[in-house]
C-alpha cells in the first residue's frame, strides 16, 4: 500500500494493535492513550478495566455498581464478556495477572 492510500478502519486497528503489542513501555502506552483519546474516553476505558478486574476478583455486580458508580447494564456486559469462551477480556486479565505476579517476584 502506498503512503497516500488511506487505511481502512480494520487496517488501522490492526496496525495499532501490533504497535501496542510490540512495546514493553507502559509509560509510552499510557501517554499514547492519553494523547489519542479524550480525557473522557481515557476515563471510560480505565473504568471498564476496573470493572473487569473487580468482577474477576469476585465482587458482585451490585458491589461493582456501588464502587464505580456504573449501571448494572454496563456491568452485566463486562461480566458476560468475561464468561465467554476464549474471551479477550479474560485473556487480557490473565496477561495482566501474570505480568503483575512476575513483577512482584522480581
PDB file of N, CA and C in Angstrom:
ATOM      1  N   UNK A   1       0.849  -1.177   0.000  1.00  0.00           N
ATOM      2  CA  UNK A   1       0.000   0.000   0.000  1.00  0.00           C
ATOM      3  C   UNK A   1       0.892   1.236   0.000  1.00  0.00           C
ATOM      4  N   UNK A   2       0.580   2.213  -0.847  1.00  0.00           N
ATOM      5  CA  UNK A   2       1.384   3.431  -0.883  1.00  0.00           C
ATOM      6  C   UNK A   2       1.015   4.322   0.298  1.00  0.00           C
ATOM      7  N   UNK A   3       1.907   5.239   0.603  1.00  0.00           N
ATOM      8  CA  UNK A   3       1.673   6.130   1.739  1.00  0.00           C
ATOM      9  C   UNK A   3       0.462   7.034   1.542  1.00  0.00           C
ATOM     10  N   UNK A   4       0.029   7.233   0.291  1.00  0.00           N
ATOM     11  CA  UNK A   4      -1.109   8.113   0.039  1.00  0.00           C
ATOM     12  C   UNK A   4      -2.451   7.375   0.093  1.00  0.00           C
ATOM     13  N   UNK A   5      -2.423   6.046   0.146  1.00  0.00           N
ATOM     14  CA  UNK A   5      -3.659   5.277   0.217  1.00  0.00           C
ATOM     15  C   UNK A   5      -4.123   5.226   1.672  1.00  0.00           C
ATOM     16  N   UNK A   6      -5.328   5.714   1.946  1.00  0.00           N
ATOM     17  CA  UNK A   6      -5.787   5.700   3.336  1.00  0.00           C
ATOM     18  C   UNK A   6      -6.043   4.274   3.831  1.00  0.00           C
ATOM     19  N   UNK A   7      -5.785   4.079   5.096  1.00  0.00           N
ATOM     20  CA  UNK A   7      -6.060   2.787   5.724  1.00  0.00           C
ATOM     21  C   UNK A   7      -7.543   2.640   5.989  1.00  0.00           C
ATOM     22  N   UNK A   8      -8.026   1.419   5.890  1.00  0.00           N
ATOM     23  CA  UNK A   8      -9.385   1.163   6.352  1.00  0.00           C
ATOM     24  C   UNK A   8      -9.349   1.166   7.876  1.00  0.00           C
ATOM     25  N   UNK A   9     -10.495   1.235   8.491  1.00  0.00           N
ATOM     26  CA  UNK A   9     -10.561   1.181   9.955  1.00  0.00           C
ATOM     27  C   UNK A   9      -9.966  -0.118  10.471  1.00  0.00           C
ATOM     28  N   UNK A  10     -10.249  -1.220   9.788  1.00  0.00           N
ATOM     29  CA  UNK A  10      -9.721  -2.525  10.211  1.00  0.00           C
ATOM     30  C   UNK A  10      -8.198  -2.550  10.102  1.00  0.00           C
ATOM     31  N   UNK A  11      -7.665  -1.996   9.027  1.00  0.00           N
ATOM     32  CA  UNK A  11      -6.207  -1.954   8.865  1.00  0.00           C
ATOM     33  C   UNK A  11      -5.559  -1.072   9.926  1.00  0.00           C
ATOM     34  N   UNK A  12      -6.173   0.055  10.196  1.00  0.00           N
ATOM     35  CA  UNK A  12      -5.639   0.966  11.204  1.00  0.00           C
ATOM     36  C   UNK A  12      -5.658   0.311  12.584  1.00  0.00           C
ATOM     37  N   UNK A  13      -6.741  -0.397  12.894  1.00  0.00           N
ATOM     38  CA  UNK A  13      -6.827  -1.089  14.178  1.00  0.00           C
ATOM     39  C   UNK A  13      -5.767  -2.180  14.267  1.00  0.00           C
ATOM     40  N   UNK A  14      -5.555  -2.901  13.173  1.00  0.00           N
ATOM     41  CA  UNK A  14      -4.511  -3.927  13.139  1.00  0.00           C
ATOM     42  C   UNK A  14      -3.137  -3.321  13.402  1.00  0.00           C
ATOM     43  N   UNK A  15      -2.838  -2.201  12.760  1.00  0.00           N
ATOM     44  CA  UNK A  15      -1.550  -1.541  12.979  1.00  0.00           C
ATOM     45  C   UNK A  15      -1.387  -1.089  14.425  1.00  0.00           C
ATOM     46  N   UNK A  16      -2.442  -0.501  14.966  1.00  0.00           N
ATOM     47  CA  UNK A  16      -2.397  -0.040  16.357  1.00  0.00           C
ATOM     48  C   UNK A  16      -2.198  -1.204  17.312  1.00  0.00           C
ATOM     49  N   UNK A  17      -2.925  -2.286  17.094  1.00  0.00           N
ATOM     50  CA  UNK A  17      -2.788  -3.466  17.950  1.00  0.00           C
ATOM     51  C   UNK A  17      -1.362  -4.009  17.892  1.00  0.00           C
ATOM     52  N   UNK A  18      -0.792  -4.053  16.713  1.00  0.00           N
ATOM     53  CA  UNK A  18       0.577  -4.540  16.558  1.00  0.00           C
ATOM     54  C   UNK A  18       1.564  -3.635  17.298  1.00  0.00           C
ATOM     55  N   UNK A  19       1.427  -2.338  17.123  1.00  0.00           N
ATOM     56  CA  UNK A  19       2.334  -1.397  17.791  1.00  0.00           C
ATOM     57  C   UNK A  19       2.232  -1.527  19.308  1.00  0.00           C
ATOM     58  N   UNK A  20       1.010  -1.611  19.834  1.00  0.00           N
ATOM     59  CA  UNK A  20       0.828  -1.735  21.283  1.00  0.00           C
ATOM     60  C   UNK A  20       1.359  -3.073  21.797  1.00  0.00           C
ATOM     61  N   UNK A  21       1.153  -4.124  21.014  1.00  0.00           N
ATOM     62  CA  UNK A  21       1.607  -5.452  21.434  1.00  0.00           C
ATOM     63  C   UNK A  21       3.131  -5.546  21.444  1.00  0.00           C
ATOM     64  N   UNK A  22       3.783  -4.770  20.619  1.00  0.00           N
ATOM     65  CA  UNK A  22       5.235  -4.880  20.492  1.00  0.00           C
ATOM     66  C   UNK A  22       6.013  -4.026  21.505  1.00  0.00           C
ATOM     67  N   UNK A  23       5.361  -3.089  22.150  1.00  0.00           N
ATOM     68  CA  UNK A  23       6.090  -2.241  23.090  1.00  0.00           C
ATOM     69  C   UNK A  23       6.076  -2.848  24.486  1.00  0.00           C
ATOM     70  N   UNK A  24       7.157  -2.681  25.187  1.00  0.00           N
ATOM     71  CA  UNK A  24       7.241  -3.093  26.592  1.00  0.00           C
ATOM     72  C   UNK A  24       7.299  -1.868  27.494  1.00  0.00           C
ATOM     73  N   UNK A  25       6.877  -0.743  26.970  1.00  0.00           N
ATOM     74  CA  UNK A  25       6.995   0.524  27.685  1.00  0.00           C
ATOM     75  C   UNK A  25       5.617   0.994  28.140  1.00  0.00           C
ATOM     76  N   UNK A  26       5.263   0.652  29.388  1.00  0.00           N
ATOM     77  CA  UNK A  26       3.923   1.009  29.865  1.00  0.00           C
ATOM     78  C   UNK A  26       3.722   2.517  29.943  1.00  0.00           C
ATOM     79  N   UNK A  27       4.797   3.279  30.233  1.00  0.00           N
ATOM     80  CA  UNK A  27       4.685   4.739  30.256  1.00  0.00           C
ATOM     81  C   UNK A  27       4.319   5.251  28.867  1.00  0.00           C
ATOM     82  N   UNK A  28       4.990   4.735  27.827  1.00  0.00           N
ATOM     83  CA  UNK A  28       4.690   5.143  26.455  1.00  0.00           C
ATOM     84  C   UNK A  28       3.245   4.815  26.099  1.00  0.00           C
ATOM     85  N   UNK A  29       2.788   3.620  26.441  1.00  0.00           N
ATOM     86  CA  UNK A  29       1.410   3.223  26.118  1.00  0.00           C
ATOM     87  C   UNK A  29       0.420   4.130  26.845  1.00  0.00           C
ATOM     88  N   UNK A  30       0.651   4.373  28.142  1.00  0.00           N
ATOM     89  CA  UNK A  30      -0.250   5.242  28.901  1.00  0.00           C
ATOM     90  C   UNK A  30      -0.309   6.645  28.293  1.00  0.00           C
ATOM     91  N   UNK A  31       0.868   7.210  27.982  1.00  0.00           N
ATOM     92  CA  UNK A  31       0.900   8.553  27.406  1.00  0.00           C
ATOM     93  C   UNK A  31       0.292   8.577  26.006  1.00  0.00           C
ATOM     94  N   UNK A  32       0.498   7.512  25.233  1.00  0.00           N
ATOM     95  CA  UNK A  32      -0.113   7.408  23.913  1.00  0.00           C
ATOM     96  C   UNK A  32      -1.636   7.404  24.041  1.00  0.00           C
ATOM     97  N   UNK A  33      -2.163   6.581  24.956  1.00  0.00           N
ATOM     98  CA  UNK A  33      -3.615   6.522  25.139  1.00  0.00           C
ATOM     99  C   UNK A  33      -4.171   7.878  25.563  1.00  0.00           C
ATOM    100  N   UNK A  34      -3.449   8.565  26.439  1.00  0.00           N
ATOM    101  CA  UNK A  34      -3.893   9.894  26.880  1.00  0.00           C
ATOM    102  C   UNK A  34      -3.825  10.908  25.738  1.00  0.00           C
ATOM    103  N   UNK A  35      -2.937  10.663  24.765  1.00  0.00           N
ATOM    104  CA  UNK A  35      -2.809  11.573  23.622  1.00  0.00           C
ATOM    105  C   UNK A  35      -3.864  11.324  22.559  1.00  0.00           C
ATOM    106  N   UNK A  36      -4.171  10.051  22.316  1.00  0.00           N
ATOM    107  CA  UNK A  36      -5.077   9.716  21.216  1.00  0.00           C
ATOM    108  C   UNK A  36      -6.557   9.768  21.636  1.00  0.00           C
ATOM    109  N   UNK A  37      -6.807   9.583  22.923  1.00  0.00           N
ATOM    110  CA  UNK A  37      -8.176   9.585  23.427  1.00  0.00           C
ATOM    111  C   UNK A  37      -8.473  10.892  24.159  1.00  0.00           C
ATOM    112  N   UNK A  38      -9.741  11.260  24.202  1.00  0.00           N
ATOM    113  CA  UNK A  38     -10.117  12.412  25.020  1.00  0.00           C
ATOM    114  C   UNK A  38     -10.017  12.010  26.492  1.00  0.00           C
ATOM    115  N   UNK A  39     -10.006  12.979  27.373  1.00  0.00           N
ATOM    116  CA  UNK A  39      -9.928  12.648  28.805  1.00  0.00           C
ATOM    117  C   UNK A  39     -11.133  11.817  29.229  1.00  0.00           C
ATOM    118  N   UNK A  40     -12.280  12.059  28.655  1.00  0.00           N
ATOM    119  CA  UNK A  40     -13.481  11.270  28.955  1.00  0.00           C
ATOM    120  C   UNK A  40     -13.311   9.829  28.472  1.00  0.00           C
ATOM    121  N   UNK A  41     -12.764   9.652  27.281  1.00  0.00           N
ATOM    122  CA  UNK A  41     -12.539   8.305  26.754  1.00  0.00           C
ATOM    123  C   UNK A  41     -11.522   7.543  27.598  1.00  0.00           C
ATOM    124  N   UNK A  42     -10.472   8.235  28.030  1.00  0.00           N
ATOM    125  CA  UNK A  42      -9.482   7.604  28.914  1.00  0.00           C
ATOM    126  C   UNK A  42     -10.165   7.137  30.190  1.00  0.00           C
ATOM    127  N   UNK A  43     -11.003   7.985  30.759  1.00  0.00           N
ATOM    128  CA  UNK A  43     -11.727   7.630  31.985  1.00  0.00           C
ATOM    129  C   UNK A  43     -12.637   6.428  31.749  1.00  0.00           C
ATOM    130  N   UNK A  44     -13.324   6.393  30.621  1.00  0.00           N
ATOM    131  CA  UNK A  44     -14.225   5.277  30.313  1.00  0.00           C
ATOM    132  C   UNK A  44     -13.461   3.970  30.153  1.00  0.00           C
ATOM    133  N   UNK A  45     -12.342   4.003  29.440  1.00  0.00           N
ATOM    134  CA  UNK A  45     -11.540   2.793  29.242  1.00  0.00           C
ATOM    135  C   UNK A  45     -11.006   2.299  30.589  1.00  0.00           C
ATOM    136  N   UNK A  46     -10.494   3.224  31.383  1.00  0.00           N
ATOM    137  CA  UNK A  46      -9.956   2.854  32.695  1.00  0.00           C
ATOM    138  C   UNK A  46     -11.047   2.272  33.592  1.00  0.00           C
ATOM    139  N   UNK A  47     -12.226   2.855  33.552  1.00  0.00           N
ATOM    140  CA  UNK A  47     -13.346   2.359  34.356  1.00  0.00           C
ATOM    141  C   UNK A  47     -13.774   0.973  33.889  1.00  0.00           C
ATOM    142  N   UNK A  48     -13.785   0.739  32.596  1.00  0.00           N
ATOM    143  CA  UNK A  48     -14.149  -0.589  32.086  1.00  0.00           C
ATOM    144  C   UNK A  48     -13.134  -1.630  32.540  1.00  0.00           C
ATOM    145  N   UNK A  49     -11.855  -1.264  32.535  1.00  0.00           N
ATOM    146  CA  UNK A  49     -10.832  -2.187  33.016  1.00  0.00           C
ATOM    147  C   UNK A  49     -11.037  -2.449  34.508  1.00  0.00           C
ATOM    148  N   UNK A  50     -11.321  -1.394  35.266  1.00  0.00           N
ATOM    149  CA  UNK A  50     -11.546  -1.547  36.712  1.00  0.00           C
ATOM    150  C   UNK A  50     -12.733  -2.471  36.975  1.00  0.00           C
ATOM    151  N   UNK A  51     -13.795  -2.348  36.200  1.00  0.00           N
ATOM    152  CA  UNK A  51     -14.959  -3.201  36.436  1.00  0.00           C
ATOM    153  C   UNK A  51     -14.648  -4.656  36.118  1.00  0.00           C
ATOM    154  N   UNK A  52     -13.876  -4.895  35.054  1.00  0.00           N
ATOM    155  CA  UNK A  52     -13.492  -6.262  34.711  1.00  0.00           C
ATOM    156  C   UNK A  52     -12.626  -6.859  35.817  1.00  0.00           C
ATOM    157  N   UNK A  53     -11.701  -6.073  36.345  1.00  0.00           N
ATOM    158  CA  UNK A  53     -10.829  -6.562  37.421  1.00  0.00           C
ATOM    159  C   UNK A  53     -11.627  -6.865  38.690  1.00  0.00           C
ATOM    160  N   UNK A  54     -12.600  -6.020  39.026  1.00  0.00           N
ATOM    161  CA  UNK A  54     -13.429  -6.270  40.210  1.00  0.00           C
ATOM    162  C   UNK A  54     -14.263  -7.538  40.032  1.00  0.00           C
ATOM    163  N   UNK A  55     -14.858  -7.706  38.867  1.00  0.00           N
ATOM    164  CA  UNK A  55     -15.644  -8.917  38.607  1.00  0.00           C
ATOM    165  C   UNK A  55     -14.746 -10.143  38.698  1.00  0.00           C
ATOM    166  N   UNK A  56     -13.550 -10.036  38.137  1.00  0.00           N
ATOM    167  CA  UNK A  56     -12.600 -11.147  38.187  1.00  0.00           C
ATOM    168  C   UNK A  56     -12.238 -11.501  39.633  1.00  0.00           C
ATOM    169  N   UNK A  57     -12.216 -10.520  40.503  1.00  0.00           N
ATOM    170  CA  UNK A  57     -11.900 -10.752  41.923  1.00  0.00           C
ATOM    171  C   UNK A  57     -13.094 -11.300  42.702  1.00  0.00           C
ATOM    172  N   UNK A  58     -14.235 -11.415  42.040  1.00  0.00           N
ATOM    173  CA  UNK A  58     -15.399 -11.986  42.699  1.00  0.00           C
ATOM    174  C   UNK A  58     -16.344 -10.979  43.322  1.00  0.00           C
ATOM    175  N   UNK A  59     -16.127  -9.691  43.064  1.00  0.00           N
ATOM    176  CA  UNK A  59     -17.039  -8.671  43.583  1.00  0.00           C
ATOM    177  C   UNK A  59     -18.362  -8.798  42.847  1.00  0.00           C
ATOM    178  N   UNK A  60     -19.457  -8.716  43.574  1.00  0.00           N
ATOM    179  CA  UNK A  60     -20.785  -8.833  42.956  1.00  0.00           C
ATOM    180  C   UNK A  60     -21.035  -7.654  42.009  1.00  0.00           C
ATOM    181  N   UNK A  61     -21.962  -7.853  41.088  1.00  0.00           N
ATOM    182  CA  UNK A  61     -22.293  -6.779  40.160  1.00  0.00           C
ATOM    183  C   UNK A  61     -22.812  -5.551  40.907  1.00  0.00           C
ATOM    184  N   UNK A  62     -23.609  -5.773  41.925  1.00  0.00           N
ATOM    185  CA  UNK A  62     -24.097  -4.634  42.724  1.00  0.00           C
ATOM    186  C   UNK A  62     -22.943  -3.945  43.457  1.00  0.00           C
ATOM    187  N   UNK A  63     -21.990  -4.717  43.923  1.00  0.00           N
ATOM    188  CA  UNK A  63     -20.810  -4.145  44.573  1.00  0.00           C
ATOM    189  C   UNK A  63     -19.987  -3.311  43.611  1.00  0.00           C
ATOM    190  N   UNK A  64     -19.842  -3.805  42.390  1.00  0.00           N
ATOM    191  CA  UNK A  64     -19.120  -3.055  41.359  1.00  0.00           C
ATOM    192  C   UNK A  64     -19.875  -1.764  41.057  1.00  0.00           C
ATOM    193  N   UNK A  65     -21.198  -1.855  40.941  1.00  0.00           N
ATOM    194  CA  UNK A  65     -22.024  -0.675  40.660  1.00  0.00           C
ATOM    195  C   UNK A  65     -21.819   0.384  41.740  1.00  0.00           C
ATOM    196  N   UNK A  66     -21.833  -0.040  43.005  1.00  0.00           N
ATOM    197  CA  UNK A  66     -21.622   0.908  44.111  1.00  0.00           C
ATOM    198  C   UNK A  66     -20.215   1.500  44.066  1.00  0.00           C
ATOM    199  N   UNK A  67     -19.229   0.655  43.856  1.00  0.00           N
ATOM    200  CA  UNK A  67     -17.833   1.097  43.878  1.00  0.00           C
ATOM    201  C   UNK A  67     -17.505   2.063  42.745  1.00  0.00           C
ATOM    202  N   UNK A  68     -17.974   1.749  41.547  1.00  0.00           N
ATOM    203  CA  UNK A  68     -17.598   2.535  40.372  1.00  0.00           C
ATOM    204  C   UNK A  68     -18.673   3.509  39.896  1.00  0.00           C
ATOM    205  N   UNK A  69     -19.857   3.428  40.497  1.00  0.00           N
ATOM    206  CA  UNK A  69     -20.934   4.323  40.085  1.00  0.00           C
ATOM    207  C   UNK A  69     -21.438   4.035  38.677  1.00  0.00           C
ATOM    208  N   UNK A  70     -21.507   2.760  38.327  1.00  0.00           N
ATOM    209  CA  UNK A  70     -21.947   2.352  36.995  1.00  0.00           C
ATOM    210  C   UNK A  70     -23.322   1.702  37.045  1.00  0.00           C
ATOM    211  N   UNK A  71     -23.974   1.683  35.904  1.00  0.00           N
ATOM    212  CA  UNK A  71     -25.253   0.995  35.807  1.00  0.00           C
ATOM    213  C   UNK A  71     -25.011  -0.510  35.768  1.00  0.00           C
ATOM    214  N   UNK A  72     -25.994  -1.260  36.234  1.00  0.00           N
ATOM    215  CA  UNK A  72     -25.893  -2.714  36.188  1.00  0.00           C
ATOM    216  C   UNK A  72     -25.812  -3.214  34.749  1.00  0.00           C
ATOM    217  N   UNK A  73     -26.374  -2.468  33.808  1.00  0.00           N
ATOM    218  CA  UNK A  73     -26.330  -2.854  32.397  1.00  0.00           C
ATOM    219  C   UNK A  73     -24.884  -2.916  31.902  1.00  0.00           C
ATOM    220  N   UNK A  74     -24.091  -1.891  32.195  1.00  0.00           N
ATOM    221  CA  UNK A  74     -22.683  -1.883  31.781  1.00  0.00           C
ATOM    222  C   UNK A  74     -21.912  -3.007  32.457  1.00  0.00           C
ATOM    223  N   UNK A  75     -22.214  -3.243  33.706  1.00  0.00           N
ATOM    224  CA  UNK A  75     -21.503  -4.270  34.459  1.00  0.00           C
ATOM    225  C   UNK A  75     -21.875  -5.652  33.943  1.00  0.00           C
ATOM    226  N   UNK A  76     -23.129  -5.855  33.631  1.00  0.00           N
ATOM    227  CA  UNK A  76     -23.583  -7.136  33.095  1.00  0.00           C
ATOM    228  C   UNK A  76     -22.854  -7.439  31.791  1.00  0.00           C
ATOM    229  N   UNK A  77     -22.662  -6.441  30.958  1.00  0.00           N
ATOM    230  CA  UNK A  77     -21.949  -6.642  29.699  1.00  0.00           C
ATOM    231  C   UNK A  77     -20.524  -7.121  29.977  1.00  0.00           C
ATOM    232  N   UNK A  78     -19.834  -6.459  30.887  1.00  0.00           N
ATOM    233  CA  UNK A  78     -18.468  -6.867  31.238  1.00  0.00           C
ATOM    234  C   UNK A  78     -18.426  -8.267  31.813  1.00  0.00           C
ATOM    235  N   UNK A  79     -19.403  -8.581  32.653  1.00  0.00           N
ATOM    236  CA  UNK A  79     -19.475  -9.905  33.267  1.00  0.00           C
ATOM    237  C   UNK A  79     -19.696 -10.981  32.206  1.00  0.00           C
ATOM    238  N   UNK A  80     -20.595 -10.712  31.263  1.00  0.00           N
ATOM    239  CA  UNK A  80     -20.860 -11.669  30.182  1.00  0.00           C
ATOM    240  C   UNK A  80     -19.618 -11.864  29.315  1.00  0.00           C
ATOM    241  N   UNK A  81     -18.908 -10.782  29.042  1.00  0.00           N
ATOM    242  CA  UNK A  81     -17.698 -10.891  28.226  1.00  0.00           C
ATOM    243  C   UNK A  81     -16.648 -11.760  28.909  1.00  0.00           C
ATOM    244  N   UNK A  82     -16.506 -11.628  30.224  1.00  0.00           N
ATOM    245  CA  UNK A  82     -15.539 -12.440  30.959  1.00  0.00           C
ATOM    246  C   UNK A  82     -15.880 -13.923  30.916  1.00  0.00           C
ATOM    247  N   UNK A  83     -17.163 -14.239  30.839  1.00  0.00           N
ATOM    248  CA  UNK A  83     -17.607 -15.635  30.862  1.00  0.00           C
ATOM    249  C   UNK A  83     -17.539 -16.318  29.502  1.00  0.00           C
ATOM    250  N   UNK A  84     -17.394 -15.540  28.430  1.00  0.00           N
ATOM    251  CA  UNK A  84     -17.376 -16.128  27.091  1.00  0.00           C
ATOM    252  C   UNK A  84     -16.148 -17.021  26.911  1.00  0.00           C
ATOM    253  N   UNK A  85     -16.350 -18.074  26.146  1.00  0.00           N
ATOM    254  CA  UNK A  85     -15.231 -18.957  25.797  1.00  0.00           C
ATOM    255  C   UNK A  85     -14.225 -18.147  24.974  1.00  0.00           C
ATOM    256  N   UNK A  86     -12.967 -18.285  25.294  1.00  0.00           N
ATOM    257  CA  UNK A  86     -11.890 -17.544  24.617  1.00  0.00           C
ATOM    258  C   UNK A  86     -12.092 -16.025  24.678  1.00  0.00           C
ATOM    259  N   UNK A  87     -12.577 -15.553  25.802  1.00  0.00           N
ATOM    260  CA  UNK A  87     -12.858 -14.134  25.980  1.00  0.00           C
ATOM    261  C   UNK A  87     -11.579 -13.293  25.937  1.00  0.00           C
ATOM    262  N   UNK A  88     -11.520 -12.282  25.067  1.00  0.00           N
ATOM    263  CA  UNK A  88     -10.377 -11.368  25.085  1.00  0.00           C
ATOM    264  C   UNK A  88     -10.249 -10.650  26.431  1.00  0.00           C
ATOM    265  N   UNK A  89     -11.397 -10.352  27.069  1.00  0.00           N
ATOM    266  CA  UNK A  89     -11.357  -9.737  28.405  1.00  0.00           C
ATOM    267  C   UNK A  89     -10.598 -10.654  29.359  1.00  0.00           C
ATOM    268  N   UNK A  90     -10.994 -11.913  29.400  1.00  0.00           N
ATOM    269  CA  UNK A  90     -10.369 -12.889  30.299  1.00  0.00           C
ATOM    270  C   UNK A  90      -8.886 -13.030  29.984  1.00  0.00           C
ATOM    271  N   UNK A  91      -8.552 -13.112  28.717  1.00  0.00           N
ATOM    272  CA  UNK A  91      -7.156 -13.274  28.323  1.00  0.00           C
ATOM    273  C   UNK A  91      -6.311 -12.077  28.743  1.00  0.00           C
ATOM    274  N   UNK A  92      -6.844 -10.867  28.594  1.00  0.00           N
ATOM    275  CA  UNK A  92      -6.092  -9.680  29.000  1.00  0.00           C
ATOM    276  C   UNK A  92      -5.935  -9.620  30.518  1.00  0.00           C
ATOM    277  N   UNK A  93      -6.962 -10.022  31.262  1.00  0.00           N
ATOM    278  CA  UNK A  93      -6.850 -10.083  32.723  1.00  0.00           C
ATOM    279  C   UNK A  93      -5.766 -11.078  33.108  1.00  0.00           C
ATOM    280  N   UNK A  94      -5.749 -12.223  32.449  1.00  0.00           N
ATOM    281  CA  UNK A  94      -4.740 -13.237  32.757  1.00  0.00           C
ATOM    282  C   UNK A  94      -3.334 -12.749  32.393  1.00  0.00           C
ATOM    283  N   UNK A  95      -3.204 -12.043  31.276  1.00  0.00           N
ATOM    284  CA  UNK A  95      -1.900 -11.465  30.916  1.00  0.00           C
ATOM    285  C   UNK A  95      -1.457 -10.494  31.992  1.00  0.00           C
ATOM    286  N   UNK A  96      -2.365  -9.617  32.410  1.00  0.00           N
ATOM    287  CA  UNK A  96      -2.021  -8.648  33.448  1.00  0.00           C
ATOM    288  C   UNK A  96      -1.621  -9.346  34.753  1.00  0.00           C
ATOM    289  N   UNK A  97      -2.401 -10.330  35.162  1.00  0.00           N
ATOM    290  CA  UNK A  97      -2.093 -11.026  36.420  1.00  0.00           C
ATOM    291  C   UNK A  97      -0.750 -11.734  36.343  1.00  0.00           C
ATOM    292  N   UNK A  98      -0.440 -12.319  35.215  1.00  0.00           N
ATOM    293  CA  UNK A  98       0.846 -12.985  35.026  1.00  0.00           C
ATOM    294  C   UNK A  98       1.985 -11.984  35.109  1.00  0.00           C
ATOM    295  N   UNK A  99       1.858 -10.854  34.426  1.00  0.00           N
ATOM    296  CA  UNK A  99       2.898  -9.823  34.469  1.00  0.00           C
ATOM    297  C   UNK A  99       3.037  -9.233  35.865  1.00  0.00           C
ATOM    298  N   UNK A 100       1.912  -9.026  36.531  1.00  0.00           N
ATOM    299  CA  UNK A 100       1.923  -8.466  37.885  1.00  0.00           C
ATOM    300  C   UNK A 100       2.614  -9.426  38.870  1.00  0.00           C
ATOM    301  N   UNK A 101       2.328 -10.719  38.727  1.00  0.00           N
ATOM    302  CA  UNK A 101       2.951 -11.720  39.608  1.00  0.00           C
ATOM    303  C   UNK A 101       4.455 -11.781  39.362  1.00  0.00           C
ATOM    304  N   UNK A 102       4.858 -11.739  38.100  1.00  0.00           N
ATOM    305  CA  UNK A 102       6.283 -11.784  37.763  1.00  0.00           C
ATOM    306  C   UNK A 102       6.993 -10.547  38.315  1.00  0.00           C
ATOM    307  N   UNK A 103       6.337  -9.406  38.228  1.00  0.00           N
ATOM    308  CA  UNK A 103       6.917  -8.149  38.726  1.00  0.00           C
ATOM    309  C   UNK A 103       7.086  -8.190  40.234  1.00  0.00           C
ATOM    310  N   UNK A 104       6.123  -8.763  40.939  1.00  0.00           N
ATOM    311  CA  UNK A 104       6.203  -8.819  42.409  1.00  0.00           C
ATOM    312  C   UNK A 104       7.252  -9.813  42.872  1.00  0.00           C
ATOM    313  N   UNK A 105       7.566 -10.828  42.053  1.00  0.00           N
ATOM    314  CA  UNK A 105       8.614 -11.801  42.411  1.00  0.00           C
ATOM    315  C   UNK A 105      10.002 -11.228  42.185  1.00  0.00           C
ATOM    316  N   UNK A 106      10.098 -10.251  41.286  1.00  0.00           N
ATOM    317  CA  UNK A 106      11.423  -9.684  40.933  1.00  0.00           C
ATOM    318  C   UNK A 106      11.994  -8.788  42.020  1.00  0.00           C
TER     319      UNK A 106
END
